[in-house]
């Protein structure tokens, strides 16, 4: 039931461009501000690929954090950046790119 905040790579690139073009300085969290369980991610991928593969659970890696979610408030306020691509849209874009 670990959670992560997945952000589409194009949104990350846009965040970097926003930072480059801004006079703002500092460190900014880039993410969606939403977390999803790894189980839910697996389910979304299985649905997107029409796969019937089983989901295999293993022990967490040593030192792995249980939950991760970015606070993107500063990126929004200082850079004017917000993510534009949902997880489902991002997965579809990746699959379209890989498999046409």
C-alpha atoms as a PDB file:
ATOM      1  CA  UNK A   1       0.000   0.000   0.000  1.00  0.00           C
ATOM      2  CA  UNK A   2       2.946   2.344  -0.552  1.00  0.00           C
ATOM      3  CA  UNK A   3       1.994   5.603  -2.246  1.00  0.00           C
ATOM      4  CA  UNK A   4       3.842   7.798  -4.683  1.00  0.00           C
ATOM      5  CA  UNK A   5       3.223  11.049  -6.529  1.00  0.00           C
ATOM      6  CA  UNK A   6       3.755  10.340 -10.236  1.00  0.00           C
ATOM      7  CA  UNK A   7       4.151  13.275 -12.608  1.00  0.00           C
ATOM      8  CA  UNK A   8       4.358  13.082 -16.393  1.00  0.00           C
ATOM      9  CA  UNK A   9       7.786  13.851 -17.861  1.00  0.00           C
ATOM     10  CA  UNK A  10       6.450  16.582 -20.173  1.00  0.00           C
ATOM     11  CA  UNK A  11       5.066  18.386 -17.112  1.00  0.00           C
ATOM     12  CA  UNK A  12       8.486  18.119 -15.452  1.00  0.00           C
ATOM     13  CA  UNK A  13      10.100  19.619 -18.567  1.00  0.00           C
ATOM     14  CA  UNK A  14       7.594  22.491 -18.480  1.00  0.00           C
ATOM     15  CA  UNK A  15       8.384  23.071 -14.801  1.00  0.00           C
ATOM     16  CA  UNK A  16      12.084  23.310 -15.642  1.00  0.00           C
ATOM     17  CA  UNK A  17      11.333  25.806 -18.413  1.00  0.00           C
ATOM     18  CA  UNK A  18       9.167  27.851 -16.043  1.00  0.00           C
ATOM     19  CA  UNK A  19      12.040  27.907 -13.524  1.00  0.00           C
ATOM     20  CA  UNK A  20      14.534  28.898 -16.218  1.00  0.00           C
ATOM     21  CA  UNK A  21      12.346  31.758 -17.420  1.00  0.00           C
ATOM     22  CA  UNK A  22      11.526  32.941 -13.891  1.00  0.00           C
ATOM     23  CA  UNK A  23      13.488  35.243 -11.649  1.00  0.00           C
ATOM     24  CA  UNK A  24      12.470  33.064  -8.703  1.00  0.00           C
ATOM     25  CA  UNK A  25      15.217  31.142  -6.917  1.00  0.00           C
ATOM     26  CA  UNK A  26      15.156  28.150  -4.648  1.00  0.00           C
ATOM     27  CA  UNK A  27      14.085  24.549  -4.597  1.00  0.00           C
ATOM     28  CA  UNK A  28      10.619  23.526  -5.764  1.00  0.00           C
ATOM     29  CA  UNK A  29       8.744  20.265  -5.473  1.00  0.00           C
ATOM     30  CA  UNK A  30       7.510  19.116  -8.860  1.00  0.00           C
ATOM     31  CA  UNK A  31       4.712  16.565  -8.789  1.00  0.00           C
ATOM     32  CA  UNK A  32       0.967  16.420  -9.031  1.00  0.00           C
ATOM     33  CA  UNK A  33       0.258  17.022  -5.364  1.00  0.00           C
ATOM     34  CA  UNK A  34      -1.683  13.747  -5.363  1.00  0.00           C
ATOM     35  CA  UNK A  35      -0.508  10.326  -4.313  1.00  0.00           C
ATOM     36  CA  UNK A  36      -1.638   6.949  -5.580  1.00  0.00           C
ATOM     37  CA  UNK A  37      -0.974   3.482  -4.244  1.00  0.00           C
ATOM     38  CA  UNK A  38       1.344   1.254  -6.214  1.00  0.00           C
ATOM     39  CA  UNK A  39      -1.543  -1.236  -6.352  1.00  0.00           C
ATOM     40  CA  UNK A  40      -3.748   1.368  -8.052  1.00  0.00           C
ATOM     41  CA  UNK A  41      -0.945   2.219 -10.487  1.00  0.00           C
ATOM     42  CA  UNK A  42      -0.649  -1.461 -11.396  1.00  0.00           C
ATOM     43  CA  UNK A  43      -4.414  -1.678 -11.938  1.00  0.00           C
ATOM     44  CA  UNK A  44      -4.388   1.392 -14.213  1.00  0.00           C
ATOM     45  CA  UNK A  45      -1.529  -0.055 -16.277  1.00  0.00           C
ATOM     46  CA  UNK A  46      -3.260  -3.431 -16.539  1.00  0.00           C
ATOM     47  CA  UNK A  47      -6.448  -1.729 -17.758  1.00  0.00           C
ATOM     48  CA  UNK A  48      -4.581   0.517 -20.222  1.00  0.00           C
ATOM     49  CA  UNK A  49      -2.776  -2.474 -21.732  1.00  0.00           C
ATOM     50  CA  UNK A  50      -5.695  -4.917 -21.569  1.00  0.00           C
ATOM     51  CA  UNK A  51      -3.392  -7.207 -19.606  1.00  0.00           C
ATOM     52  CA  UNK A  52      -4.450 -10.047 -17.359  1.00  0.00           C
ATOM     53  CA  UNK A  53      -1.011 -10.326 -15.763  1.00  0.00           C
ATOM     54  CA  UNK A  54      -1.081 -10.969 -12.033  1.00  0.00           C
ATOM     55  CA  UNK A  55       0.085  -8.265  -9.658  1.00  0.00           C
ATOM     56  CA  UNK A  56       3.034  -9.615  -7.680  1.00  0.00           C
ATOM     57  CA  UNK A  57       3.732  -8.189  -4.231  1.00  0.00           C
ATOM     58  CA  UNK A  58       7.210  -8.215  -2.734  1.00  0.00           C
ATOM     59  CA  UNK A  59       8.703  -6.876   0.471  1.00  0.00           C
ATOM     60  CA  UNK A  60       9.564  -3.154   0.504  1.00  0.00           C
ATOM     61  CA  UNK A  61      13.170  -2.291  -0.249  1.00  0.00           C
ATOM     62  CA  UNK A  62      15.312  -1.371   2.773  1.00  0.00           C
ATOM     63  CA  UNK A  63      15.078   2.347   3.472  1.00  0.00           C
ATOM     64  CA  UNK A  64      12.099   2.824   1.138  1.00  0.00           C
ATOM     65  CA  UNK A  65       9.587   5.385   2.346  1.00  0.00           C
ATOM     66  CA  UNK A  66       5.968   4.302   2.730  1.00  0.00           C
ATOM     67  CA  UNK A  67       4.239   7.430   1.419  1.00  0.00           C
ATOM     68  CA  UNK A  68       5.359  10.217  -0.896  1.00  0.00           C
ATOM     69  CA  UNK A  69       3.365  13.219  -2.072  1.00  0.00           C
ATOM     70  CA  UNK A  70       4.784  16.496  -3.374  1.00  0.00           C
ATOM     71  CA  UNK A  71       3.657  19.854  -2.050  1.00  0.00           C
ATOM     72  CA  UNK A  72       3.658  21.909  -5.248  1.00  0.00           C
ATOM     73  CA  UNK A  73       2.396  25.137  -3.663  1.00  0.00           C
ATOM     74  CA  UNK A  74       5.674  27.051  -4.197  1.00  0.00           C
ATOM     75  CA  UNK A  75       5.998  25.921  -7.811  1.00  0.00           C
ATOM     76  CA  UNK A  76       2.483  27.141  -8.451  1.00  0.00           C
ATOM     77  CA  UNK A  77       2.917  30.446  -6.616  1.00  0.00           C
ATOM     78  CA  UNK A  78       6.472  31.350  -7.684  1.00  0.00           C
ATOM     79  CA  UNK A  79       6.766  29.713 -11.107  1.00  0.00           C
ATOM     80  CA  UNK A  80       3.132  29.765 -12.197  1.00  0.00           C
ATOM     81  CA  UNK A  81       3.454  26.043 -12.905  1.00  0.00           C
ATOM     82  CA  UNK A  82       0.875  23.315 -12.470  1.00  0.00           C
ATOM     83  CA  UNK A  83       0.826  19.781 -13.854  1.00  0.00           C
ATOM     84  CA  UNK A  84      -1.401  19.368 -16.903  1.00  0.00           C
ATOM     85  CA  UNK A  85      -1.350  15.617 -17.525  1.00  0.00           C
ATOM     86  CA  UNK A  86      -3.244  13.093 -15.404  1.00  0.00           C
ATOM     87  CA  UNK A  87      -1.665   9.759 -14.575  1.00  0.00           C
ATOM     88  CA  UNK A  88      -4.045   7.965 -16.932  1.00  0.00           C
ATOM     89  CA  UNK A  89      -3.298  10.427 -19.760  1.00  0.00           C
ATOM     90  CA  UNK A  90       0.431  10.074 -19.183  1.00  0.00           C
ATOM     91  CA  UNK A  91       0.290   6.292 -19.308  1.00  0.00           C
ATOM     92  CA  UNK A  92      -1.755   6.463 -22.520  1.00  0.00           C
ATOM     93  CA  UNK A  93       0.774   8.880 -24.093  1.00  0.00           C
ATOM     94  CA  UNK A  94       3.644   6.550 -23.166  1.00  0.00           C
ATOM     95  CA  UNK A  95       1.863   3.500 -24.568  1.00  0.00           C
ATOM     96  CA  UNK A  96       0.981   5.391 -27.767  1.00  0.00           C
ATOM     97  CA  UNK A  97       4.616   6.414 -28.150  1.00  0.00           C
ATOM     98  CA  UNK A  98       5.936   2.907 -27.539  1.00  0.00           C
ATOM     99  CA  UNK A  99       3.378   0.912 -29.485  1.00  0.00           C
ATOM    100  CA  UNK A 100       1.728   3.447 -31.797  1.00  0.00           C
END
